[in-house]
């Protein structure tokens, strides 16, 4: 008798990644926009959140936005290519993730790590 090992379905992980990144984008984009307006003094910013300028120029928020944007966009493009019949459903999960991480790593390196 052959024992079948559990093999997770890559499409499920792509779907889950895209949904989680959408929620994070849904929260961070308004925060980024609102804190920018508050930093200019155009809207009220609650004191318990801290400084609006500190939040608006926080590099961790920028990095999270970039990662979620790339994940959401590229996995969305993958779905479009699958729907159009350009690629098969079981292909390009790891290739998409590798491309996202390569672009993300290069962007973070050139913007935050590299010294000029």
PDB file of N, CA and C in Angstrom:
ATOM      1  N   UNK A   1       0.831  -1.180   0.000  1.00  0.00           N
ATOM      2  CA  UNK A   1       0.000   0.000   0.000  1.00  0.00           C
ATOM      3  C   UNK A   1       0.878   1.246   0.000  1.00  0.00           C
ATOM      4  N   UNK A   2       0.600   2.138  -0.906  1.00  0.00           N
ATOM      5  CA  UNK A   2       1.380   3.351  -1.046  1.00  0.00           C
ATOM      6  C   UNK A   2       0.762   4.461  -0.194  1.00  0.00           C
ATOM      7  N   UNK A   3       1.604   5.103   0.611  1.00  0.00           N
ATOM      8  CA  UNK A   3       1.135   6.197   1.463  1.00  0.00           C
ATOM      9  C   UNK A   3       1.230   7.495   0.672  1.00  0.00           C
ATOM     10  N   UNK A   4       0.145   8.201   0.636  1.00  0.00           N
ATOM     11  CA  UNK A   4       0.104   9.469  -0.085  1.00  0.00           C
ATOM     12  C   UNK A   4       0.448  10.606   0.881  1.00  0.00           C
ATOM     13  N   UNK A   5       1.424  11.394   0.523  1.00  0.00           N
ATOM     14  CA  UNK A   5       1.825  12.525   1.351  1.00  0.00           C
ATOM     15  C   UNK A   5       0.989  13.741   0.987  1.00  0.00           C
ATOM     16  N   UNK A   6       0.754  14.575   1.988  1.00  0.00           N
ATOM     17  CA  UNK A   6       0.001  15.803   1.757  1.00  0.00           C
ATOM     18  C   UNK A   6       0.829  16.739   0.887  1.00  0.00           C
ATOM     19  N   UNK A   7       0.216  17.230  -0.154  1.00  0.00           N
ATOM     20  CA  UNK A   7       0.875  18.207  -1.015  1.00  0.00           C
ATOM     21  C   UNK A   7      -0.029  19.425  -1.073  1.00  0.00           C
ATOM     22  N   UNK A   8       0.462  20.519  -0.534  1.00  0.00           N
ATOM     23  CA  UNK A   8      -0.364  21.717  -0.523  1.00  0.00           C
ATOM     24  C   UNK A   8      -0.534  22.236  -1.949  1.00  0.00           C
ATOM     25  N   UNK A   9      -1.661  22.793  -2.191  1.00  0.00           N
ATOM     26  CA  UNK A   9      -1.997  23.291  -3.515  1.00  0.00           C
ATOM     27  C   UNK A   9      -1.463  24.707  -3.664  1.00  0.00           C
ATOM     28  N   UNK A  10      -0.595  24.911  -4.637  1.00  0.00           N
ATOM     29  CA  UNK A  10       0.058  26.211  -4.807  1.00  0.00           C
ATOM     30  C   UNK A  10      -0.930  27.323  -5.120  1.00  0.00           C
ATOM     31  N   UNK A  11      -1.993  26.995  -5.817  1.00  0.00           N
ATOM     32  CA  UNK A  11      -2.991  28.010  -6.128  1.00  0.00           C
ATOM     33  C   UNK A  11      -3.652  28.577  -4.882  1.00  0.00           C
ATOM     34  N   UNK A  12      -3.812  27.734  -3.875  1.00  0.00           N
ATOM     35  CA  UNK A  12      -4.383  28.191  -2.615  1.00  0.00           C
ATOM     36  C   UNK A  12      -3.452  29.191  -1.931  1.00  0.00           C
ATOM     37  N   UNK A  13      -2.158  28.908  -1.956  1.00  0.00           N
ATOM     38  CA  UNK A  13      -1.193  29.818  -1.341  1.00  0.00           C
ATOM     39  C   UNK A  13      -1.126  31.136  -2.104  1.00  0.00           C
ATOM     40  N   UNK A  14      -1.219  31.083  -3.426  1.00  0.00           N
ATOM     41  CA  UNK A  14      -1.229  32.315  -4.219  1.00  0.00           C
ATOM     42  C   UNK A  14      -2.478  33.130  -3.904  1.00  0.00           C
ATOM     43  N   UNK A  15      -3.622  32.450  -3.801  1.00  0.00           N
ATOM     44  CA  UNK A  15      -4.881  33.124  -3.483  1.00  0.00           C
ATOM     45  C   UNK A  15      -4.805  33.761  -2.100  1.00  0.00           C
ATOM     46  N   UNK A  16      -4.291  33.004  -1.122  1.00  0.00           N
ATOM     47  CA  UNK A  16      -4.189  33.502   0.241  1.00  0.00           C
ATOM     48  C   UNK A  16      -3.216  34.681   0.320  1.00  0.00           C
ATOM     49  N   UNK A  17      -2.095  34.583  -0.363  1.00  0.00           N
ATOM     50  CA  UNK A  17      -1.122  35.679  -0.386  1.00  0.00           C
ATOM     51  C   UNK A  17      -1.737  36.943  -0.960  1.00  0.00           C
ATOM     52  N   UNK A  18      -2.484  36.781  -2.038  1.00  0.00           N
ATOM     53  CA  UNK A  18      -3.103  37.943  -2.666  1.00  0.00           C
ATOM     54  C   UNK A  18      -4.161  38.561  -1.756  1.00  0.00           C
ATOM     55  N   UNK A  19      -4.931  37.759  -1.040  1.00  0.00           N
ATOM     56  CA  UNK A  19      -5.959  38.295  -0.152  1.00  0.00           C
ATOM     57  C   UNK A  19      -5.349  38.995   1.054  1.00  0.00           C
ATOM     58  N   UNK A  20      -4.308  38.417   1.634  1.00  0.00           N
ATOM     59  CA  UNK A  20      -3.656  39.050   2.786  1.00  0.00           C
ATOM     60  C   UNK A  20      -2.999  40.361   2.372  1.00  0.00           C
ATOM     61  N   UNK A  21      -2.327  40.358   1.224  1.00  0.00           N
ATOM     62  CA  UNK A  21      -1.697  41.596   0.759  1.00  0.00           C
ATOM     63  C   UNK A  21      -2.746  42.667   0.461  1.00  0.00           C
ATOM     64  N   UNK A  22      -3.918  42.268  -0.008  1.00  0.00           N
ATOM     65  CA  UNK A  22      -4.991  43.239  -0.263  1.00  0.00           C
ATOM     66  C   UNK A  22      -5.451  43.893   1.038  1.00  0.00           C
ATOM     67  N   UNK A  23      -5.578  43.105   2.102  1.00  0.00           N
ATOM     68  CA  UNK A  23      -5.996  43.655   3.398  1.00  0.00           C
ATOM     69  C   UNK A  23      -4.943  44.619   3.933  1.00  0.00           C
ATOM     70  N   UNK A  24      -3.675  44.231   3.827  1.00  0.00           N
ATOM     71  CA  UNK A  24      -2.597  45.102   4.309  1.00  0.00           C
ATOM     72  C   UNK A  24      -2.567  46.391   3.498  1.00  0.00           C
ATOM     73  N   UNK A  25      -2.718  46.291   2.182  1.00  0.00           N
ATOM     74  CA  UNK A  25      -2.757  47.497   1.349  1.00  0.00           C
ATOM     75  C   UNK A  25      -3.952  48.366   1.699  1.00  0.00           C
ATOM     76  N   UNK A  26      -5.085  47.732   1.968  1.00  0.00           N
ATOM     77  CA  UNK A  26      -6.304  48.455   2.332  1.00  0.00           C
ATOM     78  C   UNK A  26      -6.104  49.260   3.618  1.00  0.00           C
ATOM     79  N   UNK A  27      -5.256  48.788   4.510  1.00  0.00           N
ATOM     80  CA  UNK A  27      -4.985  49.501   5.757  1.00  0.00           C
ATOM     81  C   UNK A  27      -3.850  50.522   5.623  1.00  0.00           C
ATOM     82  N   UNK A  28      -2.780  50.162   4.921  1.00  0.00           N
ATOM     83  CA  UNK A  28      -1.601  51.028   4.882  1.00  0.00           C
ATOM     84  C   UNK A  28      -1.710  52.204   3.916  1.00  0.00           C
ATOM     85  N   UNK A  29      -2.380  52.022   2.790  1.00  0.00           N
ATOM     86  CA  UNK A  29      -2.477  53.126   1.829  1.00  0.00           C
ATOM     87  C   UNK A  29      -3.236  54.318   2.417  1.00  0.00           C
ATOM     88  N   UNK A  30      -4.411  54.118   3.031  1.00  0.00           N
ATOM     89  CA  UNK A  30      -5.066  55.285   3.653  1.00  0.00           C
ATOM     90  C   UNK A  30      -4.232  55.906   4.787  1.00  0.00           C
ATOM     91  N   UNK A  31      -3.535  55.061   5.568  1.00  0.00           N
ATOM     92  CA  UNK A  31      -2.674  55.591   6.624  1.00  0.00           C
ATOM     93  C   UNK A  31      -1.583  56.472   6.038  1.00  0.00           C
ATOM     94  N   UNK A  32      -0.974  56.015   4.959  1.00  0.00           N
ATOM     95  CA  UNK A  32       0.093  56.772   4.315  1.00  0.00           C
ATOM     96  C   UNK A  32      -0.431  58.106   3.763  1.00  0.00           C
ATOM     97  N   UNK A  33      -1.568  58.061   3.106  1.00  0.00           N
ATOM     98  CA  UNK A  33      -2.151  59.289   2.532  1.00  0.00           C
ATOM     99  C   UNK A  33      -2.579  60.245   3.646  1.00  0.00           C
ATOM    100  N   UNK A  34      -3.292  59.735   4.645  1.00  0.00           N
ATOM    101  CA  UNK A  34      -3.802  60.585   5.717  1.00  0.00           C
ATOM    102  C   UNK A  34      -2.665  61.201   6.532  1.00  0.00           C
ATOM    103  N   UNK A  35      -1.635  60.399   6.821  1.00  0.00           N
ATOM    104  CA  UNK A  35      -0.512  60.947   7.591  1.00  0.00           C
ATOM    105  C   UNK A  35       0.238  62.008   6.794  1.00  0.00           C
ATOM    106  N   UNK A  36       0.254  61.895   5.476  1.00  0.00           N
ATOM    107  CA  UNK A  36       0.864  62.943   4.646  1.00  0.00           C
ATOM    108  C   UNK A  36       0.076  64.238   4.700  1.00  0.00           C
ATOM    109  N   UNK A  37      -1.250  64.124   4.652  1.00  0.00           N
ATOM    110  CA  UNK A  37      -2.092  65.319   4.791  1.00  0.00           C
ATOM    111  C   UNK A  37      -1.918  65.939   6.168  1.00  0.00           C
ATOM    112  N   UNK A  38      -1.855  65.097   7.195  1.00  0.00           N
ATOM    113  CA  UNK A  38      -1.705  65.588   8.562  1.00  0.00           C
ATOM    114  C   UNK A  38      -0.337  66.240   8.758  1.00  0.00           C
ATOM    115  N   UNK A  39       0.690  65.704   8.109  1.00  0.00           N
ATOM    116  CA  UNK A  39       2.023  66.287   8.224  1.00  0.00           C
ATOM    117  C   UNK A  39       2.056  67.689   7.634  1.00  0.00           C
ATOM    118  N   UNK A  40       1.205  67.948   6.641  1.00  0.00           N
ATOM    119  CA  UNK A  40       1.106  69.287   6.052  1.00  0.00           C
ATOM    120  C   UNK A  40       0.165  70.190   6.842  1.00  0.00           C
ATOM    121  N   UNK A  41      -0.502  69.622   7.846  1.00  0.00           N
ATOM    122  CA  UNK A  41      -1.408  70.406   8.665  1.00  0.00           C
ATOM    123  C   UNK A  41      -2.791  70.594   8.064  1.00  0.00           C
ATOM    124  N   UNK A  42      -3.151  69.794   7.073  1.00  0.00           N
ATOM    125  CA  UNK A  42      -4.445  69.940   6.408  1.00  0.00           C
ATOM    126  C   UNK A  42      -5.577  69.214   7.127  1.00  0.00           C
ATOM    127  N   UNK A  43      -5.251  68.173   7.905  1.00  0.00           N
ATOM    128  CA  UNK A  43      -6.270  67.418   8.640  1.00  0.00           C
ATOM    129  C   UNK A  43      -5.763  67.164  10.060  1.00  0.00           C
ATOM    130  N   UNK A  44      -6.702  66.844  10.940  1.00  0.00           N
ATOM    131  CA  UNK A  44      -6.366  66.530  12.326  1.00  0.00           C
ATOM    132  C   UNK A  44      -5.727  65.146  12.400  1.00  0.00           C
ATOM    133  N   UNK A  45      -4.715  65.013  13.248  1.00  0.00           N
ATOM    134  CA  UNK A  45      -4.065  63.726  13.481  1.00  0.00           C
ATOM    135  C   UNK A  45      -4.075  63.460  14.977  1.00  0.00           C
ATOM    136  N   UNK A  46      -4.636  62.344  15.428  1.00  0.00           N
ATOM    137  CA  UNK A  46      -4.739  62.081  16.868  1.00  0.00           C
ATOM    138  C   UNK A  46      -3.371  61.998  17.540  1.00  0.00           C
ATOM    139  N   UNK A  47      -3.288  62.579  18.724  1.00  0.00           N
ATOM    140  CA  UNK A  47      -2.017  62.584  19.467  1.00  0.00           C
ATOM    141  C   UNK A  47      -1.578  61.184  19.889  1.00  0.00           C
ATOM    142  N   UNK A  48      -2.520  60.303  20.160  1.00  0.00           N
ATOM    143  CA  UNK A  48      -2.171  58.964  20.636  1.00  0.00           C
ATOM    144  C   UNK A  48      -1.490  58.118  19.561  1.00  0.00           C
ATOM    145  N   UNK A  49      -1.546  58.548  18.287  1.00  0.00           N
ATOM    146  CA  UNK A  49      -0.847  57.824  17.223  1.00  0.00           C
ATOM    147  C   UNK A  49       0.606  58.280  17.065  1.00  0.00           C
ATOM    148  N   UNK A  50       0.954  59.351  17.723  1.00  0.00           N
ATOM    149  CA  UNK A  50       2.307  59.869  17.618  1.00  0.00           C
ATOM    150  C   UNK A  50       2.393  60.975  16.589  1.00  0.00           C
ATOM    151  N   UNK A  51       3.585  61.195  16.093  1.00  0.00           N
ATOM    152  CA  UNK A  51       3.822  62.249  15.109  1.00  0.00           C
ATOM    153  C   UNK A  51       3.398  61.782  13.718  1.00  0.00           C
ATOM    154  N   UNK A  52       2.647  62.644  13.040  1.00  0.00           N
ATOM    155  CA  UNK A  52       2.213  62.283  11.684  1.00  0.00           C
ATOM    156  C   UNK A  52       3.395  62.219  10.723  1.00  0.00           C
ATOM    157  N   UNK A  53       4.375  63.082  10.915  1.00  0.00           N
ATOM    158  CA  UNK A  53       5.567  63.053  10.047  1.00  0.00           C
ATOM    159  C   UNK A  53       6.364  61.768  10.268  1.00  0.00           C
ATOM    160  N   UNK A  54       6.471  61.345  11.539  1.00  0.00           N
ATOM    161  CA  UNK A  54       7.211  60.106  11.835  1.00  0.00           C
ATOM    162  C   UNK A  54       6.534  58.905  11.189  1.00  0.00           C
ATOM    163  N   UNK A  55       5.218  58.866  11.240  1.00  0.00           N
ATOM    164  CA  UNK A  55       4.489  57.761  10.625  1.00  0.00           C
ATOM    165  C   UNK A  55       4.571  57.835   9.105  1.00  0.00           C
ATOM    166  N   UNK A  56       4.434  59.029   8.555  1.00  0.00           N
ATOM    167  CA  UNK A  56       4.440  59.170   7.098  1.00  0.00           C
ATOM    168  C   UNK A  56       5.798  58.799   6.491  1.00  0.00           C
ATOM    169  N   UNK A  57       6.868  59.130   7.175  1.00  0.00           N
ATOM    170  CA  UNK A  57       8.208  58.856   6.645  1.00  0.00           C
ATOM    171  C   UNK A  57       8.834  57.599   7.238  1.00  0.00           C
ATOM    172  N   UNK A  58       8.031  56.724   7.803  1.00  0.00           N
ATOM    173  CA  UNK A  58       8.506  55.472   8.388  1.00  0.00           C
ATOM    174  C   UNK A  58       8.881  54.498   7.267  1.00  0.00           C
ATOM    175  N   UNK A  59      10.127  54.084   7.245  1.00  0.00           N
ATOM    176  CA  UNK A  59      10.595  53.206   6.173  1.00  0.00           C
ATOM    177  C   UNK A  59       9.980  51.807   6.264  1.00  0.00           C
ATOM    178  N   UNK A  60       9.628  51.350   7.460  1.00  0.00           N
ATOM    179  CA  UNK A  60       9.003  50.027   7.591  1.00  0.00           C
ATOM    180  C   UNK A  60       7.645  49.993   6.885  1.00  0.00           C
ATOM    181  N   UNK A  61       6.887  51.079   6.985  1.00  0.00           N
ATOM    182  CA  UNK A  61       5.606  51.157   6.287  1.00  0.00           C
ATOM    183  C   UNK A  61       5.832  51.163   4.781  1.00  0.00           C
ATOM    184  N   UNK A  62       6.837  51.911   4.326  1.00  0.00           N
ATOM    185  CA  UNK A  62       7.151  51.938   2.890  1.00  0.00           C
ATOM    186  C   UNK A  62       7.554  50.568   2.370  1.00  0.00           C
ATOM    187  N   UNK A  63       8.363  49.856   3.133  1.00  0.00           N
ATOM    188  CA  UNK A  63       8.814  48.526   2.721  1.00  0.00           C
ATOM    189  C   UNK A  63       7.637  47.550   2.694  1.00  0.00           C
ATOM    190  N   UNK A  64       6.773  47.611   3.702  1.00  0.00           N
ATOM    191  CA  UNK A  64       5.585  46.747   3.721  1.00  0.00           C
ATOM    192  C   UNK A  64       4.663  47.057   2.548  1.00  0.00           C
ATOM    193  N   UNK A  65       4.486  48.337   2.244  1.00  0.00           N
ATOM    194  CA  UNK A  65       3.672  48.728   1.084  1.00  0.00           C
ATOM    195  C   UNK A  65       4.261  48.181  -0.214  1.00  0.00           C
ATOM    196  N   UNK A  66       5.560  48.307  -0.370  1.00  0.00           N
ATOM    197  CA  UNK A  66       6.213  47.814  -1.587  1.00  0.00           C
ATOM    198  C   UNK A  66       6.050  46.307  -1.729  1.00  0.00           C
ATOM    199  N   UNK A  67       6.296  45.552  -0.659  1.00  0.00           N
ATOM    200  CA  UNK A  67       6.177  44.097  -0.722  1.00  0.00           C
ATOM    201  C   UNK A  67       4.741  43.675  -1.035  1.00  0.00           C
ATOM    202  N   UNK A  68       3.780  44.259  -0.346  1.00  0.00           N
ATOM    203  CA  UNK A  68       2.377  43.892  -0.582  1.00  0.00           C
ATOM    204  C   UNK A  68       1.918  44.292  -1.967  1.00  0.00           C
ATOM    205  N   UNK A  69       2.369  45.443  -2.447  1.00  0.00           N
ATOM    206  CA  UNK A  69       2.032  45.880  -3.804  1.00  0.00           C
ATOM    207  C   UNK A  69       2.574  44.901  -4.847  1.00  0.00           C
ATOM    208  N   UNK A  70       3.827  44.504  -4.690  1.00  0.00           N
ATOM    209  CA  UNK A  70       4.427  43.566  -5.647  1.00  0.00           C
ATOM    210  C   UNK A  70       3.752  42.201  -5.596  1.00  0.00           C
ATOM    211  N   UNK A  71       3.528  41.680  -4.393  1.00  0.00           N
ATOM    212  CA  UNK A  71       2.863  40.377  -4.267  1.00  0.00           C
ATOM    213  C   UNK A  71       1.470  40.414  -4.875  1.00  0.00           C
ATOM    214  N   UNK A  72       0.689  41.420  -4.511  1.00  0.00           N
ATOM    215  CA  UNK A  72      -0.682  41.514  -4.992  1.00  0.00           C
ATOM    216  C   UNK A  72      -0.718  41.687  -6.518  1.00  0.00           C
ATOM    217  N   UNK A  73       0.115  42.554  -7.027  1.00  0.00           N
ATOM    218  CA  UNK A  73       0.129  42.822  -8.461  1.00  0.00           C
ATOM    219  C   UNK A  73       0.595  41.639  -9.293  1.00  0.00           C
ATOM    220  N   UNK A  74       1.687  41.017  -8.901  1.00  0.00           N
ATOM    221  CA  UNK A  74       2.221  39.926  -9.709  1.00  0.00           C
ATOM    222  C   UNK A  74       1.377  38.657  -9.623  1.00  0.00           C
ATOM    223  N   UNK A  75       0.819  38.365  -8.432  1.00  0.00           N
ATOM    224  CA  UNK A  75      -0.081  37.215  -8.360  1.00  0.00           C
ATOM    225  C   UNK A  75      -1.387  37.506  -9.082  1.00  0.00           C
ATOM    226  N   UNK A  76      -1.810  38.756  -9.117  1.00  0.00           N
ATOM    227  CA  UNK A  76      -2.977  39.129  -9.922  1.00  0.00           C
ATOM    228  C   UNK A  76      -2.697  38.956 -11.405  1.00  0.00           C
ATOM    229  N   UNK A  77      -1.498  39.354 -11.841  1.00  0.00           N
ATOM    230  CA  UNK A  77      -1.106  39.153 -13.239  1.00  0.00           C
ATOM    231  C   UNK A  77      -1.041  37.667 -13.569  1.00  0.00           C
ATOM    232  N   UNK A  78      -0.580  36.861 -12.629  1.00  0.00           N
ATOM    233  CA  UNK A  78      -0.550  35.405 -12.820  1.00  0.00           C
ATOM    234  C   UNK A  78      -1.950  34.856 -13.056  1.00  0.00           C
ATOM    235  N   UNK A  79      -2.921  35.332 -12.275  1.00  0.00           N
ATOM    236  CA  UNK A  79      -4.308  34.884 -12.440  1.00  0.00           C
ATOM    237  C   UNK A  79      -4.852  35.287 -13.809  1.00  0.00           C
ATOM    238  N   UNK A  80      -4.546  36.498 -14.236  1.00  0.00           N
ATOM    239  CA  UNK A  80      -4.994  36.960 -15.557  1.00  0.00           C
ATOM    240  C   UNK A  80      -4.411  36.076 -16.652  1.00  0.00           C
ATOM    241  N   UNK A  81      -3.129  35.738 -16.547  1.00  0.00           N
ATOM    242  CA  UNK A  81      -2.488  34.880 -17.550  1.00  0.00           C
ATOM    243  C   UNK A  81      -3.078  33.471 -17.542  1.00  0.00           C
ATOM    244  N   UNK A  82      -3.452  32.974 -16.365  1.00  0.00           N
ATOM    245  CA  UNK A  82      -4.100  31.665 -16.281  1.00  0.00           C
ATOM    246  C   UNK A  82      -5.475  31.727 -16.928  1.00  0.00           C
ATOM    247  N   UNK A  83      -6.249  32.770 -16.630  1.00  0.00           N
ATOM    248  CA  UNK A  83      -7.592  32.918 -17.198  1.00  0.00           C
ATOM    249  C   UNK A  83      -7.579  33.055 -18.715  1.00  0.00           C
ATOM    250  N   UNK A  84      -6.548  33.688 -19.238  1.00  0.00           N
ATOM    251  CA  UNK A  84      -6.432  33.856 -20.697  1.00  0.00           C
ATOM    252  C   UNK A  84      -5.837  32.631 -21.378  1.00  0.00           C
ATOM    253  N   UNK A  85      -5.408  31.660 -20.603  1.00  0.00           N
ATOM    254  CA  UNK A  85      -4.850  30.436 -21.168  1.00  0.00           C
ATOM    255  C   UNK A  85      -3.403  30.545 -21.591  1.00  0.00           C
ATOM    256  N   UNK A  86      -2.713  31.577 -21.148  1.00  0.00           N
ATOM    257  CA  UNK A  86      -1.315  31.762 -21.529  1.00  0.00           C
ATOM    258  C   UNK A  86      -0.406  30.810 -20.760  1.00  0.00           C
ATOM    259  N   UNK A  87      -0.705  30.612 -19.470  1.00  0.00           N
ATOM    260  CA  UNK A  87       0.077  29.676 -18.657  1.00  0.00           C
ATOM    261  C   UNK A  87      -0.871  28.696 -17.982  1.00  0.00           C
ATOM    262  N   UNK A  88      -0.314  27.556 -17.560  1.00  0.00           N
ATOM    263  CA  UNK A  88      -1.112  26.567 -16.820  1.00  0.00           C
ATOM    264  C   UNK A  88      -1.168  26.959 -15.358  1.00  0.00           C
ATOM    265  N   UNK A  89      -2.220  26.484 -14.694  1.00  0.00           N
ATOM    266  CA  UNK A  89      -2.451  26.882 -13.307  1.00  0.00           C
ATOM    267  C   UNK A  89      -1.352  26.437 -12.361  1.00  0.00           C
ATOM    268  N   UNK A  90      -0.763  25.265 -12.610  1.00  0.00           N
ATOM    269  CA  UNK A  90       0.253  24.756 -11.699  1.00  0.00           C
ATOM    270  C   UNK A  90       1.643  25.335 -11.962  1.00  0.00           C
ATOM    271  N   UNK A  91       1.744  26.200 -12.935  1.00  0.00           N
ATOM    272  CA  UNK A  91       3.029  26.812 -13.269  1.00  0.00           C
ATOM    273  C   UNK A  91       3.114  28.231 -12.684  1.00  0.00           C
ATOM    274  N   UNK A  92       4.323  28.696 -12.574  1.00  0.00           N
ATOM    275  CA  UNK A  92       4.632  30.087 -12.268  1.00  0.00           C
ATOM    276  C   UNK A  92       4.353  30.524 -10.839  1.00  0.00           C
ATOM    277  N   UNK A  93       4.001  29.624  -9.921  1.00  0.00           N
ATOM    278  CA  UNK A  93       3.857  30.051  -8.524  1.00  0.00           C
ATOM    279  C   UNK A  93       5.218  30.466  -7.970  1.00  0.00           C
ATOM    280  N   UNK A  94       6.191  29.559  -8.065  1.00  0.00           N
ATOM    281  CA  UNK A  94       7.516  29.855  -7.525  1.00  0.00           C
ATOM    282  C   UNK A  94       8.242  30.891  -8.358  1.00  0.00           C
ATOM    283  N   UNK A  95       8.030  30.870  -9.665  1.00  0.00           N
ATOM    284  CA  UNK A  95       8.666  31.872 -10.524  1.00  0.00           C
ATOM    285  C   UNK A  95       8.152  33.266 -10.205  1.00  0.00           C
ATOM    286  N   UNK A  96       6.861  33.365  -9.952  1.00  0.00           N
ATOM    287  CA  UNK A  96       6.278  34.655  -9.593  1.00  0.00           C
ATOM    288  C   UNK A  96       6.837  35.141  -8.263  1.00  0.00           C
ATOM    289  N   UNK A  97       6.894  34.258  -7.273  1.00  0.00           N
ATOM    290  CA  UNK A  97       7.432  34.630  -5.969  1.00  0.00           C
ATOM    291  C   UNK A  97       8.901  35.029  -6.080  1.00  0.00           C
ATOM    292  N   UNK A  98       9.672  34.308  -6.877  1.00  0.00           N
ATOM    293  CA  UNK A  98      11.083  34.641  -7.070  1.00  0.00           C
ATOM    294  C   UNK A  98      11.240  36.011  -7.714  1.00  0.00           C
ATOM    295  N   UNK A  99      10.430  36.302  -8.728  1.00  0.00           N
ATOM    296  CA  UNK A  99      10.479  37.601  -9.387  1.00  0.00           C
ATOM    297  C   UNK A  99      10.118  38.720  -8.421  1.00  0.00           C
ATOM    298  N   UNK A 100       9.072  38.516  -7.635  1.00  0.00           N
ATOM    299  CA  UNK A 100       8.654  39.517  -6.648  1.00  0.00           C
ATOM    300  C   UNK A 100       9.773  39.775  -5.644  1.00  0.00           C
ATOM    301  N   UNK A 101      10.352  38.719  -5.107  1.00  0.00           N
ATOM    302  CA  UNK A 101      11.404  38.888  -4.109  1.00  0.00           C
ATOM    303  C   UNK A 101      12.665  39.509  -4.696  1.00  0.00           C
ATOM    304  N   UNK A 102      12.964  39.220  -5.967  1.00  0.00           N
ATOM    305  CA  UNK A 102      14.126  39.833  -6.613  1.00  0.00           C
ATOM    306  C   UNK A 102      13.916  41.336  -6.801  1.00  0.00           C
ATOM    307  N   UNK A 103      12.755  41.723  -7.290  1.00  0.00           N
ATOM    308  CA  UNK A 103      12.452  43.156  -7.464  1.00  0.00           C
ATOM    309  C   UNK A 103      12.417  43.850  -6.107  1.00  0.00           C
ATOM    310  N   UNK A 104      11.776  43.218  -5.131  1.00  0.00           N
ATOM    311  CA  UNK A 104      11.689  43.772  -3.784  1.00  0.00           C
ATOM    312  C   UNK A 104      13.086  43.947  -3.180  1.00  0.00           C
ATOM    313  N   UNK A 105      13.907  42.910  -3.269  1.00  0.00           N
ATOM    314  CA  UNK A 105      15.260  42.981  -2.719  1.00  0.00           C
ATOM    315  C   UNK A 105      16.098  44.059  -3.376  1.00  0.00           C
ATOM    316  N   UNK A 106      16.011  44.169  -4.698  1.00  0.00           N
ATOM    317  CA  UNK A 106      16.763  45.202  -5.410  1.00  0.00           C
ATOM    318  C   UNK A 106      16.291  46.594  -5.010  1.00  0.00           C
ATOM    319  N   UNK A 107      14.985  46.784  -4.918  1.00  0.00           N
ATOM    320  CA  UNK A 107      14.452  48.100  -4.555  1.00  0.00           C
ATOM    321  C   UNK A 107      14.855  48.484  -3.130  1.00  0.00           C
ATOM    322  N   UNK A 108      14.741  47.556  -2.202  1.00  0.00           N
ATOM    323  CA  UNK A 108      15.118  47.854  -0.811  1.00  0.00           C
ATOM    324  C   UNK A 108      16.613  48.123  -0.719  1.00  0.00           C
ATOM    325  N   UNK A 109      17.400  47.354  -1.439  1.00  0.00           N
ATOM    326  CA  UNK A 109      18.846  47.567  -1.417  1.00  0.00           C
ATOM    327  C   UNK A 109      19.203  48.954  -1.943  1.00  0.00           C
ATOM    328  N   UNK A 110      18.673  49.316  -3.114  1.00  0.00           N
ATOM    329  CA  UNK A 110      19.051  50.585  -3.734  1.00  0.00           C
ATOM    330  C   UNK A 110      18.470  51.793  -3.009  1.00  0.00           C
ATOM    331  N   UNK A 111      17.356  51.648  -2.330  1.00  0.00           N
ATOM    332  CA  UNK A 111      16.738  52.791  -1.656  1.00  0.00           C
ATOM    333  C   UNK A 111      17.189  52.900  -0.195  1.00  0.00           C
ATOM    334  N   UNK A 112      17.297  51.772   0.524  1.00  0.00           N
ATOM    335  CA  UNK A 112      17.534  51.846   1.966  1.00  0.00           C
ATOM    336  C   UNK A 112      18.900  51.361   2.428  1.00  0.00           C
ATOM    337  N   UNK A 113      19.548  50.503   1.678  1.00  0.00           N
ATOM    338  CA  UNK A 113      20.792  49.894   2.171  1.00  0.00           C
ATOM    339  C   UNK A 113      22.014  50.536   1.566  1.00  0.00           C
ATOM    340  N   UNK A 114      22.033  50.730   0.273  1.00  0.00           N
ATOM    341  CA  UNK A 114      23.205  51.200  -0.435  1.00  0.00           C
ATOM    342  C   UNK A 114      23.588  52.607   0.005  1.00  0.00           C
ATOM    343  N   UNK A 115      24.854  52.797   0.225  1.00  0.00           N
ATOM    344  CA  UNK A 115      25.386  54.114   0.609  1.00  0.00           C
ATOM    345  C   UNK A 115      26.000  54.773  -0.615  1.00  0.00           C
ATOM    346  N   UNK A 116      25.753  56.044  -0.758  1.00  0.00           N
ATOM    347  CA  UNK A 116      26.371  56.784  -1.873  1.00  0.00           C
ATOM    348  C   UNK A 116      27.342  57.782  -1.357  1.00  0.00           C
TER     349      UNK A 116
END
